[in-house]
Amino acid sequence: MPSKASRRKARRRAEAEAEALAAEQADAALFSHLTSPSRDVTAGVPAEILHEVVSYFQFVPFDSPSHGNALNAGYYLKETALVKYKVLRAMSQTCRKWRGLLLPMMYESVELGAIAKPHSGEQWFIQCAQRLIKICGGLGDSPELARYTRNMRVVLSQTRLEEALPLLAKAMCSCSNLRVLNIHFAQADVVMDVKQAFQRYAFPSVDTLIMPSQTHWVMRSCPNVKRVFCHHGDGSQIVSAMQVCKRVEVLGRDTLQLVRGLVKAGPRLRRLRFGQAREPPTVGLMELLGGLKHLRYLELRVPWIVFQDTPTPIPWQYWSPAMPPRSPQDVETHLKDHLAALRRLLKDWKVVIKPSLSSDDPSSRDNWTFTIHIKA
């Protein structure tokens, strides 16, 4: 028969083992409670806070030309333009609640104009084509995701173009809520390929287009477009397409050419914006634009070095660096004097002149431009 001391030790050992087992079971229960999908600690974060957090991540706006943005690398956008998409994709995989909240935000803006750093010797146009084919193919086959898409930016190169364009058109058809299409870059010889891929389709939901002239067949497939920005080319094809798209109200172009045809093609224009002009606007130009009965806003950008001390502006090609330097304030005063005739012509319009810098070097007079806003 065991002694009292032995029985006492056995009892203490059993009590210690029971306590250890109970502590282990309690820890397991607590861990299971914290990691249970129905009790995920992240599920308690309010949707407003998630939206606020996401709004701070870097992205490039889709509804305006992105060529002046710091993330623009020329033919495509830099990898940092994909930061917001990558963050949303990672956060949407945290839990079911976050996925339900963030998945629509992830597909709201589809970025096909930005690429990662070239790897394994791949050029930018190869990556752009591969990304377009992969994502547009997925959107075309997944209408439940495509219905979230409202903005899309693309780059069109000759690489696998015959495969990429039909997939892009199919994806746009699946995106029933698409509002903005931004064609950041397209090679000059894609006109016939774009025509063949898009002339059979119509995209009635698209109301904003940012595009070069050579992709005008996309515009012809958007009968309800209201805002058009042409960032490359003389815009003649865009003006011709406006005869099909009768609802255009806002037009942005790089040049002052073809104004006469513009008046005939865009009778509903309310806002007109031109890029860097070679010379200030003339009374004759204003008389032509007077045919636009609904026009209420006109913006012109004029380089200040085209002026001298006489009322006649100096053509850009005749400007000489030997001319005496003048302050932007002096040029602004002269520009106001030059626009006196325009004020007399446009009696009910308000002219606002805003000096701005076109580069980071304020000491160079070549960098100063003046934006002229003429408002009704």
Protein backbone atom coordinates (compact mmCIF):
# COMPACT_ATOMS: atom_id res chain seq x y z
CA MET A 1 0.00 0.00 0.00
CA PRO A 2 1.46 3.41 -1.05
CA SER A 3 2.51 5.68 1.71
CA LYS A 4 0.77 8.94 2.47
CA ALA A 5 3.65 10.88 0.92
CA SER A 6 3.35 8.94 -2.36
CA ARG A 7 -0.39 9.43 -2.49
CA ARG A 8 0.07 13.15 -1.80
CA LYS A 9 2.57 13.51 -4.70
CA ALA A 10 0.29 11.62 -7.09
CA ARG A 11 -2.63 13.83 -6.16
CA ARG A 12 -0.60 17.00 -6.71
CA ARG A 13 0.65 15.69 -10.06
CA ALA A 14 -2.92 14.95 -11.19
CA GLU A 15 -4.11 18.39 -10.10
CA ALA A 16 -1.24 20.07 -12.02
CA GLU A 17 -2.00 18.06 -15.16
CA ALA A 18 -5.71 18.95 -14.86
CA GLU A 19 -4.86 22.66 -14.51
CA ALA A 20 -2.52 22.54 -17.54
CA LEU A 21 -5.18 20.78 -19.63
CA ALA A 22 -7.80 23.35 -18.59
CA ALA A 23 -5.47 26.27 -19.49
CA GLU A 24 -4.70 24.70 -22.88
CA GLN A 25 -8.38 24.24 -23.61
CA ALA A 26 -9.11 27.85 -22.59
CA ASP A 27 -6.35 29.15 -24.91
CA ALA A 28 -7.70 27.07 -27.77
CA ALA A 29 -11.22 28.34 -27.18
CA LEU A 30 -10.00 31.96 -27.12
CA PHE A 31 -8.00 31.51 -30.34
CA SER A 32 -10.99 29.89 -32.03
CA HIS A 33 -13.18 32.77 -30.89
CA LEU A 34 -10.81 35.39 -32.31
CA THR A 35 -10.21 33.65 -35.63
CA SER A 36 -13.78 32.59 -36.31
CA PRO A 37 -15.06 34.10 -39.62
CA SER A 38 -18.23 35.16 -37.87
CA ARG A 39 -16.27 37.03 -35.18
CA ASP A 40 -13.34 38.45 -37.20
CA VAL A 41 -11.99 41.56 -35.47
CA THR A 42 -11.68 43.33 -38.85
CA ALA A 43 -15.39 42.88 -39.53
CA GLY A 44 -16.19 45.51 -36.95
CA VAL A 45 -14.46 48.35 -38.86
CA PRO A 46 -17.14 50.76 -40.19
CA ALA A 47 -17.45 51.09 -43.97
CA GLU A 48 -16.95 54.88 -43.76
CA ILE A 49 -13.50 54.42 -42.20
CA LEU A 50 -12.50 51.93 -44.92
CA HIS A 51 -13.55 54.34 -47.65
CA GLU A 52 -11.65 57.15 -45.95
CA VAL A 53 -8.48 55.05 -45.69
CA VAL A 54 -8.66 54.00 -49.34
CA SER A 55 -9.11 57.61 -50.51
CA TYR A 56 -5.57 58.46 -49.39
CA PHE A 57 -3.82 56.03 -51.72
CA GLN A 58 -2.22 57.36 -54.88
CA PHE A 59 -4.01 57.16 -58.22
CA VAL A 60 -4.34 59.12 -61.49
CA PRO A 61 -7.77 60.60 -62.30
CA PHE A 62 -9.51 58.97 -65.25
CA ASP A 63 -11.80 61.82 -66.34
CA SER A 64 -9.08 64.18 -67.63
CA PRO A 65 -5.96 63.82 -69.81
CA SER A 66 -3.15 62.36 -67.71
CA HIS A 67 -0.23 63.53 -69.86
CA GLY A 68 0.66 66.32 -67.46
CA ASN A 69 0.66 64.03 -64.43
CA ALA A 70 3.92 63.21 -62.67
CA LEU A 71 3.14 59.49 -62.92
CA ASN A 72 3.02 59.66 -66.71
CA ALA A 73 5.98 58.04 -68.47
CA GLY A 74 4.96 59.02 -72.01
CA TYR A 75 3.38 56.08 -73.79
CA TYR A 76 2.19 54.53 -70.52
CA LEU A 77 1.81 55.36 -66.82
CA LYS A 78 4.28 54.35 -64.15
CA GLU A 79 3.78 51.46 -61.75
CA THR A 80 2.82 53.82 -58.93
CA ALA A 81 -0.47 54.46 -60.77
CA LEU A 82 -1.44 50.90 -59.74
CA VAL A 83 -0.94 51.47 -56.00
CA LYS A 84 -4.61 51.95 -55.16
CA TYR A 85 -5.68 48.89 -57.17
CA LYS A 86 -3.10 46.67 -55.46
CA VAL A 87 -4.10 47.90 -52.00
CA LEU A 88 -7.78 47.28 -52.71
CA ARG A 89 -7.04 43.79 -54.00
CA ALA A 90 -5.05 42.92 -50.85
CA MET A 91 -7.61 44.40 -48.46
CA SER A 92 -10.52 42.67 -50.22
CA GLN A 93 -8.95 39.31 -49.31
CA THR A 94 -8.99 40.04 -45.56
CA CYS A 95 -12.53 38.91 -44.77
CA ARG A 96 -15.92 38.50 -46.39
CA LYS A 97 -17.23 41.86 -45.18
CA TRP A 98 -14.26 43.74 -46.58
CA ARG A 99 -14.54 41.86 -49.85
CA GLY A 100 -18.17 42.87 -50.19
CA LEU A 101 -17.28 46.51 -49.52
CA LEU A 102 -14.03 46.83 -51.49
CA LEU A 103 -14.61 44.60 -54.51
CA PRO A 104 -16.87 47.21 -56.21
CA MET A 105 -14.23 49.88 -55.53
CA MET A 106 -11.49 47.68 -56.98
CA TYR A 107 -13.33 47.26 -60.29
CA GLU A 108 -14.79 50.78 -60.41
CA SER A 109 -11.67 52.08 -62.19
CA VAL A 110 -9.84 49.63 -64.47
CA GLU A 111 -6.27 50.76 -65.15
CA LEU A 112 -4.87 49.26 -68.37
CA GLY A 113 -2.47 52.09 -69.14
CA ALA A 114 0.05 51.46 -66.35
CA ILE A 115 2.57 48.64 -66.13
CA ALA A 116 5.08 47.25 -63.68
CA LYS A 117 8.78 47.72 -64.25
CA PRO A 118 9.92 45.80 -67.36
CA HIS A 119 11.31 42.41 -66.43
CA SER A 120 12.99 39.62 -68.38
CA GLY A 121 13.63 42.00 -71.25
CA GLU A 122 9.94 42.70 -71.91
CA GLN A 123 9.17 46.08 -73.45
CA TRP A 124 6.37 48.36 -72.27
CA PHE A 125 4.11 47.61 -75.25
CA ILE A 126 4.30 43.87 -74.57
CA GLN A 127 3.23 44.33 -70.94
CA CYS A 128 0.43 46.72 -71.93
CA ALA A 129 -0.93 44.25 -74.48
CA GLN A 130 -0.74 41.32 -72.06
CA ARG A 131 -2.48 43.27 -69.29
CA LEU A 132 -5.23 44.47 -71.62
CA ILE A 133 -5.90 40.98 -72.98
CA LYS A 134 -5.93 39.38 -69.53
CA ILE A 135 -8.19 41.89 -67.76
CA CYS A 136 -10.55 42.60 -70.66
CA GLY A 137 -10.95 38.89 -71.23
CA GLY A 138 -11.91 38.46 -67.58
CA LEU A 139 -14.38 41.37 -67.64
CA GLY A 140 -16.00 40.06 -70.82
CA ASP A 141 -16.59 36.68 -69.19
CA SER A 142 -17.62 38.08 -65.78
CA PRO A 143 -20.54 40.51 -66.17
CA GLU A 144 -21.13 40.38 -62.39
CA LEU A 145 -17.77 42.17 -61.97
CA ALA A 146 -17.99 44.30 -65.13
CA ARG A 147 -21.13 46.00 -63.87
CA TYR A 148 -19.00 47.77 -61.22
CA THR A 149 -16.73 49.40 -63.83
CA ARG A 150 -17.28 53.12 -64.46
CA ASN A 151 -13.81 54.27 -65.58
CA MET A 152 -11.30 52.64 -67.91
CA ARG A 153 -7.90 53.74 -69.22
CA VAL A 154 -6.10 51.85 -72.00
CA VAL A 155 -2.95 51.95 -74.13
CA LEU A 156 -3.15 50.63 -77.71
CA SER A 157 0.02 49.43 -79.41
CA GLN A 158 0.52 47.19 -82.43
CA THR A 159 1.44 44.21 -80.24
CA ARG A 160 -1.31 41.56 -80.49
CA LEU A 161 -3.70 44.30 -81.60
CA GLU A 162 -6.00 41.94 -83.54
CA GLU A 163 -6.56 39.99 -80.33
CA ALA A 164 -6.69 42.94 -77.93
CA LEU A 165 -9.22 45.20 -79.68
CA PRO A 166 -12.09 42.65 -79.91
CA LEU A 167 -11.57 41.79 -76.23
CA LEU A 168 -11.65 45.49 -75.34
CA ALA A 169 -14.90 45.99 -77.26
CA LYS A 170 -16.43 42.92 -75.62
CA ALA A 171 -15.37 44.11 -72.16
CA MET A 172 -16.88 47.55 -72.78
CA CYS A 173 -20.16 45.89 -73.77
CA SER A 174 -20.15 43.97 -70.49
CA CYS A 175 -19.46 47.18 -68.54
CA SER A 176 -23.04 48.42 -68.67
CA ASN A 177 -22.25 51.32 -66.29
CA LEU A 178 -19.09 52.53 -68.04
CA ARG A 179 -18.93 56.33 -68.00
CA VAL A 180 -15.32 57.32 -68.82
CA LEU A 181 -12.99 55.85 -71.44
CA ASN A 182 -9.45 57.26 -71.46
CA ILE A 183 -7.22 56.16 -74.35
CA HIS A 184 -3.90 57.38 -73.02
CA PHE A 185 -1.90 56.41 -76.12
CA ALA A 186 -2.55 54.80 -79.48
CA GLN A 187 -0.15 54.30 -82.33
CA ALA A 188 -0.88 56.29 -85.46
CA ASP A 189 -1.65 53.31 -87.72
CA VAL A 190 -4.45 51.74 -85.65
CA VAL A 191 -7.30 53.55 -87.42
CA MET A 192 -8.55 50.67 -89.56
CA ASP A 193 -8.08 48.10 -86.77
CA VAL A 194 -10.16 50.25 -84.41
CA LYS A 195 -12.83 50.70 -87.08
CA GLN A 196 -13.08 46.96 -87.71
CA ALA A 197 -13.32 46.15 -83.99
CA PHE A 198 -15.76 48.89 -82.88
CA GLN A 199 -18.06 49.78 -85.76
CA ARG A 200 -20.46 46.93 -84.89
CA TYR A 201 -20.91 48.05 -81.28
CA ALA A 202 -22.61 50.88 -79.42
CA PHE A 203 -21.80 52.04 -75.89
CA PRO A 204 -24.68 54.29 -74.82
CA SER A 205 -23.50 54.66 -71.20
CA VAL A 206 -20.19 56.39 -72.08
CA ASP A 207 -20.39 60.17 -71.58
CA THR A 208 -16.68 61.13 -71.38
CA LEU A 209 -13.91 60.31 -73.87
CA ILE A 210 -10.20 61.21 -73.66
CA MET A 211 -8.51 60.07 -76.85
CA PRO A 212 -6.15 60.84 -79.77
CA SER A 213 -7.57 61.60 -83.21
CA GLN A 214 -6.70 58.20 -84.69
CA THR A 215 -9.20 56.43 -82.39
CA HIS A 216 -12.20 58.47 -83.56
CA TRP A 217 -14.11 55.29 -84.46
CA VAL A 218 -14.50 54.63 -80.74
CA MET A 219 -16.23 57.99 -80.44
CA ARG A 220 -18.61 57.09 -83.26
CA SER A 221 -19.70 54.09 -81.18
CA CYS A 222 -20.62 56.33 -78.21
CA PRO A 223 -23.80 58.16 -79.34
CA ASN A 224 -24.45 59.79 -75.95
CA VAL A 225 -20.97 61.16 -75.27
CA LYS A 226 -21.02 64.72 -73.86
CA ARG A 227 -17.37 65.43 -72.94
CA VAL A 228 -14.54 64.86 -75.43
CA PHE A 229 -10.86 65.69 -74.95
CA CYS A 230 -8.51 65.23 -77.92
CA HIS A 231 -4.92 65.13 -76.63
CA HIS A 232 -3.11 64.26 -79.88
CA GLY A 233 -3.65 65.14 -83.53
CA ASP A 234 -5.27 68.08 -85.26
CA GLY A 235 -8.75 66.93 -84.24
CA SER A 236 -10.23 66.81 -87.74
CA GLN A 237 -11.49 63.24 -87.25
CA ILE A 238 -13.00 64.23 -83.90
CA VAL A 239 -14.87 67.10 -85.53
CA SER A 240 -16.18 64.71 -88.20
CA ALA A 241 -17.31 62.24 -85.53
CA MET A 242 -19.22 65.02 -83.78
CA GLN A 243 -21.62 65.01 -86.71
CA VAL A 244 -22.69 61.56 -85.46
CA CYS A 245 -22.42 62.37 -81.75
CA LYS A 246 -24.83 65.30 -81.54
CA ARG A 247 -24.81 65.63 -77.74
CA VAL A 248 -21.24 66.84 -77.24
CA GLU A 249 -21.26 69.80 -74.83
CA VAL A 250 -17.62 69.98 -73.70
CA LEU A 251 -14.64 69.78 -76.06
CA GLY A 252 -10.94 70.07 -75.31
CA ARG A 253 -8.35 70.23 -78.08
CA ASP A 254 -4.66 71.04 -78.49
CA THR A 255 -5.00 73.47 -81.40
CA LEU A 256 -7.18 76.29 -82.67
CA GLN A 257 -7.52 74.72 -86.13
CA LEU A 258 -10.78 73.76 -87.83
CA VAL A 259 -12.84 76.21 -85.78
CA ARG A 260 -15.21 76.80 -88.69
CA GLY A 261 -16.01 73.08 -88.98
CA LEU A 262 -16.34 72.88 -85.22
CA VAL A 263 -19.13 75.46 -85.21
CA LYS A 264 -21.09 73.36 -87.71
CA ALA A 265 -20.44 70.02 -86.02
CA GLY A 266 -21.03 71.00 -82.38
CA PRO A 267 -24.06 73.27 -82.08
CA ARG A 268 -24.64 72.16 -78.47
CA LEU A 269 -21.15 73.01 -77.20
CA ARG A 270 -21.24 74.76 -73.84
CA ARG A 271 -17.57 74.53 -72.81
CA LEU A 272 -14.58 74.79 -75.15
CA ARG A 273 -10.95 74.45 -74.10
CA PHE A 274 -7.90 74.79 -76.32
CA GLY A 275 -4.37 73.82 -75.43
CA GLN A 276 -1.19 75.83 -75.97
CA ALA A 277 -1.98 78.41 -78.66
CA ARG A 278 0.70 79.90 -80.91
CA GLU A 279 -0.82 83.36 -80.69
CA PRO A 280 -3.56 85.15 -78.74
CA PRO A 281 -7.17 84.81 -79.84
CA THR A 282 -8.28 87.21 -82.55
CA VAL A 283 -11.55 88.98 -83.11
CA GLY A 284 -12.09 86.83 -86.18
CA LEU A 285 -11.83 83.69 -84.07
CA MET A 286 -14.35 85.06 -81.60
CA GLU A 287 -16.69 85.94 -84.44
CA LEU A 288 -16.56 82.32 -85.65
CA LEU A 289 -17.21 81.00 -82.15
CA GLY A 290 -20.11 83.40 -81.91
CA GLY A 291 -22.04 80.85 -83.94
CA LEU A 292 -22.08 78.54 -80.92
CA LYS A 293 -25.26 79.83 -79.30
CA HIS A 294 -24.92 77.69 -76.16
CA LEU A 295 -21.22 78.41 -75.51
CA ARG A 296 -20.74 79.69 -71.95
CA TYR A 297 -17.09 78.95 -71.18
CA LEU A 298 -13.95 79.31 -73.32
CA GLU A 299 -10.42 78.57 -72.11
CA LEU A 300 -7.28 79.45 -74.07
CA ARG A 301 -3.64 79.01 -73.07
CA VAL A 302 -1.23 81.56 -74.52
CA PRO A 303 2.59 81.64 -74.07
CA TRP A 304 3.59 85.07 -72.82
CA ILE A 305 6.71 85.33 -75.01
CA VAL A 306 4.57 85.89 -78.12
CA PHE A 307 3.96 89.46 -76.99
CA GLN A 308 5.88 92.71 -77.35
CA ASP A 309 5.10 96.35 -76.54
CA THR A 310 2.93 96.81 -79.63
CA PRO A 311 -0.68 95.65 -79.98
CA THR A 312 0.42 93.17 -82.68
CA PRO A 313 1.47 89.81 -81.25
CA ILE A 314 4.75 88.31 -82.37
CA PRO A 315 4.32 84.95 -84.15
CA TRP A 316 6.05 82.15 -82.28
CA GLN A 317 8.54 81.43 -85.06
CA TYR A 318 9.73 85.09 -85.15
CA TRP A 319 10.38 85.45 -81.44
CA SER A 320 14.03 86.24 -80.62
CA PRO A 321 15.83 85.56 -77.32
CA ALA A 322 17.43 89.01 -77.71
CA MET A 323 14.15 90.69 -76.79
CA PRO A 324 14.28 92.46 -73.42
CA PRO A 325 12.87 90.29 -70.59
CA ARG A 326 9.58 91.39 -69.11
CA SER A 327 7.80 90.40 -65.94
CA PRO A 328 4.66 88.25 -66.11
CA GLN A 329 2.72 91.17 -64.61
CA ASP A 330 3.68 93.41 -67.55
CA VAL A 331 2.67 90.75 -70.03
CA GLU A 332 -0.63 90.22 -68.23
CA THR A 333 -1.37 93.95 -68.55
CA HIS A 334 -0.51 93.86 -72.25
CA LEU A 335 -2.68 90.78 -72.76
CA LYS A 336 -5.62 92.56 -71.17
CA ASP A 337 -5.08 95.46 -73.58
CA HIS A 338 -5.00 93.03 -76.48
CA LEU A 339 -8.32 91.54 -75.39
CA ALA A 340 -10.05 94.92 -75.26
CA ALA A 341 -11.49 94.32 -78.72
CA LEU A 342 -12.78 90.95 -77.60
CA ARG A 343 -14.51 92.56 -74.63
CA ARG A 344 -16.24 94.99 -76.92
CA LEU A 345 -17.34 92.10 -79.13
CA LEU A 346 -18.46 89.95 -76.19
CA LYS A 347 -20.30 92.59 -74.19
CA ASP A 348 -21.95 90.14 -71.80
CA TRP A 349 -18.84 88.02 -71.19
CA LYS A 350 -16.35 88.17 -68.37
CA VAL A 351 -12.67 87.74 -69.21
CA VAL A 352 -10.44 86.23 -66.52
CA ILE A 353 -6.69 85.97 -67.12
CA LYS A 354 -4.68 83.63 -64.88
CA PRO A 355 -0.86 83.40 -65.15
CA SER A 356 0.59 79.94 -64.56
CA LEU A 357 3.88 78.08 -64.87
CA SER A 358 4.30 75.26 -67.36
CA SER A 359 7.41 73.92 -65.60
CA ASP A 360 9.22 74.07 -62.27
CA ASP A 361 11.61 76.85 -63.31
CA PRO A 362 9.99 80.24 -62.55
CA SER A 363 13.12 82.13 -63.66
CA SER A 364 12.70 81.15 -67.30
CA ARG A 365 10.30 83.38 -69.19
CA ASP A 366 9.68 80.54 -71.66
CA ASN A 367 7.73 78.72 -68.96
CA TRP A 368 5.05 81.35 -68.35
CA THR A 369 1.63 80.80 -69.87
CA PHE A 370 -1.63 82.66 -69.45
CA THR A 371 -4.97 80.87 -69.23
CA ILE A 372 -7.79 83.02 -70.53
CA HIS A 373 -11.23 82.19 -69.20
CA ILE A 374 -14.08 83.88 -71.05
CA LYS A 375 -17.32 83.29 -69.18
CA ALA A 376 -20.83 84.32 -70.01
